[in-house]
Amino acid sequence: MTSSCMLTPTDIASCVDSALTLAQLLEDEFTALKNQNLDQFEHLLSEKNLLLANLSRMSGIQSPQDADQLGPEWTPFRQQMQHCQQLHRRNEILIMRKLDAIQGALDSLQVQQPASNVEVYDRLGQVRRSKRLRAYTEA
């Protein structure tokens, strides 16, 4: 880890500025996810990864233990990075919800699964039961 005493206040301010840029990238990432703009999301993801690598190099933080060893002059940086962590978690939750919705849609298309609890409607708006259930009730 780079010793924090080797870094000048300007270096620390540069890290804080980069953390602010990261927060904006995370906000933009959230917007891209909400709008289902996957091209924009992928572009932001690569920008975010480059910025994180640069932040790690600038701050000397390679592991959580390194972050714990930073002095009090790093408090603004720590606070901004904690905010970024919250934004990242929010984005992760949105991704997980979208994946769950996609999985539900896929499950509804696989009606032949007897364990499926997703109801599917036919063209007339009637609940369509799986073939296996229909065969069982007709017997």
Protein backbone atom coordinates (compact mmCIF):
# COMPACT_ATOMS: atom_id res chain seq x y z
CA MET A 1 0.00 0.00 0.00
CA THR A 2 1.15 3.54 -0.70
CA SER A 3 1.73 5.33 2.56
CA SER A 4 -0.80 8.10 3.10
CA CYS A 5 1.96 10.37 4.39
CA MET A 6 3.59 10.22 0.92
CA LEU A 7 0.48 11.65 -0.67
CA THR A 8 -0.10 15.37 -0.70
CA PRO A 9 -3.44 17.01 0.07
CA THR A 10 -3.72 17.58 -3.70
CA ASP A 11 -3.37 13.82 -4.29
CA ILE A 12 -6.08 13.12 -1.73
CA ALA A 13 -8.31 15.79 -3.30
CA SER A 14 -7.75 14.12 -6.67
CA CYS A 15 -8.92 10.81 -5.19
CA VAL A 16 -12.03 12.53 -3.80
CA ASP A 17 -12.72 14.04 -7.24
CA SER A 18 -12.38 10.61 -8.82
CA ALA A 19 -14.78 9.20 -6.23
CA LEU A 20 -17.27 11.93 -7.15
CA THR A 21 -16.88 10.93 -10.81
CA LEU A 22 -17.52 7.32 -9.78
CA ALA A 23 -20.73 8.36 -8.03
CA GLN A 24 -21.91 10.09 -11.21
CA LEU A 25 -21.05 7.00 -13.26
CA LEU A 26 -23.11 4.89 -10.86
CA GLU A 27 -26.04 7.29 -11.21
CA ASP A 28 -25.75 7.10 -15.01
CA GLU A 29 -25.52 3.32 -14.75
CA PHE A 30 -28.78 3.25 -12.77
CA THR A 31 -30.49 5.38 -15.42
CA ALA A 32 -29.22 3.11 -18.20
CA LEU A 33 -30.51 0.07 -16.30
CA LYS A 34 -33.92 1.64 -15.70
CA ASN A 35 -34.20 2.51 -19.39
CA GLN A 36 -32.85 -0.90 -20.41
CA ASN A 37 -30.12 0.76 -22.47
CA LEU A 38 -27.64 -2.11 -22.42
CA ASP A 39 -25.16 -0.46 -24.81
CA GLN A 40 -24.90 2.56 -22.51
CA PHE A 41 -24.70 0.29 -19.47
CA GLU A 42 -21.80 -1.70 -20.95
CA HIS A 43 -19.97 1.51 -21.88
CA LEU A 44 -20.43 2.86 -18.33
CA LEU A 45 -19.32 -0.45 -16.86
CA SER A 46 -15.99 -0.32 -18.69
CA GLU A 47 -15.53 3.34 -17.66
CA LYS A 48 -16.31 2.42 -14.06
CA ASN A 49 -13.80 -0.44 -14.05
CA LEU A 50 -11.06 1.85 -15.42
CA LEU A 51 -11.88 4.49 -12.82
CA LEU A 52 -11.83 1.93 -10.00
CA ALA A 53 -8.43 0.65 -11.14
CA ASN A 54 -7.15 4.23 -11.26
CA LEU A 55 -8.57 4.97 -7.79
CA SER A 56 -6.90 1.86 -6.41
CA ARG A 57 -3.57 2.92 -7.90
CA MET A 58 -3.89 6.56 -6.75
CA SER A 59 -4.95 5.75 -3.20
CA GLY A 60 -2.82 2.64 -2.75
CA ILE A 61 -5.85 0.67 -1.59
CA GLN A 62 -5.64 -2.92 -2.74
CA SER A 63 -7.72 -4.56 0.00
CA PRO A 64 -10.20 -3.60 2.74
CA GLN A 65 -7.36 -3.76 5.27
CA ASP A 66 -5.50 -1.07 3.31
CA ALA A 67 -8.54 1.22 3.55
CA ASP A 68 -8.65 0.71 7.32
CA GLN A 69 -5.06 1.98 7.59
CA LEU A 70 -5.74 5.34 5.93
CA GLY A 71 -5.38 8.38 8.15
CA PRO A 72 -8.06 10.92 9.11
CA GLU A 73 -7.16 13.12 6.14
CA TRP A 74 -8.87 10.47 4.00
CA THR A 75 -12.27 10.92 5.69
CA PRO A 76 -13.88 12.79 2.75
CA PHE A 77 -12.65 10.06 0.39
CA ARG A 78 -13.97 7.31 2.67
CA GLN A 79 -17.36 9.01 2.94
CA GLN A 80 -17.65 9.40 -0.82
CA MET A 81 -16.66 5.78 -1.40
CA GLN A 82 -19.28 4.64 1.13
CA HIS A 83 -21.85 6.63 -0.84
CA CYS A 84 -20.62 4.92 -4.02
CA GLN A 85 -20.99 1.55 -2.32
CA GLN A 86 -24.65 2.37 -1.56
CA LEU A 87 -25.22 3.41 -5.17
CA HIS A 88 -23.61 0.18 -6.36
CA ARG A 89 -25.89 -1.86 -4.09
CA ARG A 90 -28.94 0.00 -5.44
CA ASN A 91 -27.86 -0.84 -8.99
CA GLU A 92 -27.26 -4.45 -8.01
CA ILE A 93 -30.79 -4.68 -6.55
CA LEU A 94 -32.25 -3.28 -9.77
CA ILE A 95 -30.30 -5.83 -11.82
CA MET A 96 -31.49 -8.66 -9.57
CA ARG A 97 -35.11 -7.51 -9.89
CA LYS A 98 -34.82 -7.38 -13.66
CA LEU A 99 -33.28 -10.85 -13.70
CA ASP A 100 -36.13 -12.14 -11.52
CA ALA A 101 -38.67 -10.62 -13.94
CA ILE A 102 -36.92 -12.25 -16.88
CA GLN A 103 -36.83 -15.57 -15.04
CA GLY A 104 -40.55 -15.25 -14.31
CA ALA A 105 -41.25 -14.58 -17.98
CA LEU A 106 -39.18 -17.60 -18.98
CA ASP A 107 -40.95 -19.74 -16.39
CA SER A 108 -44.32 -18.69 -17.78
CA LEU A 109 -43.25 -19.84 -21.24
CA GLN A 110 -42.38 -23.27 -19.88
CA VAL A 111 -45.93 -24.23 -18.93
CA GLN A 112 -45.27 -27.96 -19.18
CA GLN A 113 -43.44 -27.84 -15.86
CA PRO A 114 -45.89 -29.23 -13.26
CA ALA A 115 -44.19 -27.29 -10.46
CA SER A 116 -44.67 -23.97 -12.25
CA ASN A 117 -46.73 -21.57 -10.16
CA VAL A 118 -47.00 -18.97 -12.90
CA GLU A 119 -50.44 -18.68 -14.48
CA VAL A 120 -50.58 -18.27 -18.24
CA TYR A 121 -53.60 -16.92 -20.12
CA ASP A 122 -54.78 -18.03 -23.55
CA ARG A 123 -56.14 -15.77 -26.32
CA LEU A 124 -59.57 -15.71 -24.67
CA GLY A 125 -58.18 -14.56 -21.34
CA GLN A 126 -58.71 -17.93 -19.66
CA VAL A 127 -56.09 -19.43 -17.37
CA ARG A 128 -54.29 -22.11 -19.32
CA ARG A 129 -53.25 -25.11 -17.28
CA SER A 130 -50.31 -27.27 -18.12
CA LYS A 131 -50.94 -30.33 -20.28
CA ARG A 132 -50.00 -32.64 -17.45
CA LEU A 133 -52.59 -31.09 -15.12
CA ARG A 134 -55.26 -31.20 -17.85
CA ALA A 135 -54.57 -34.88 -18.54
CA TYR A 136 -54.84 -35.64 -14.84
CA THR A 137 -58.19 -33.86 -14.38
CA GLU A 138 -59.70 -35.45 -17.52
CA ALA A 139 -58.83 -38.99 -16.39
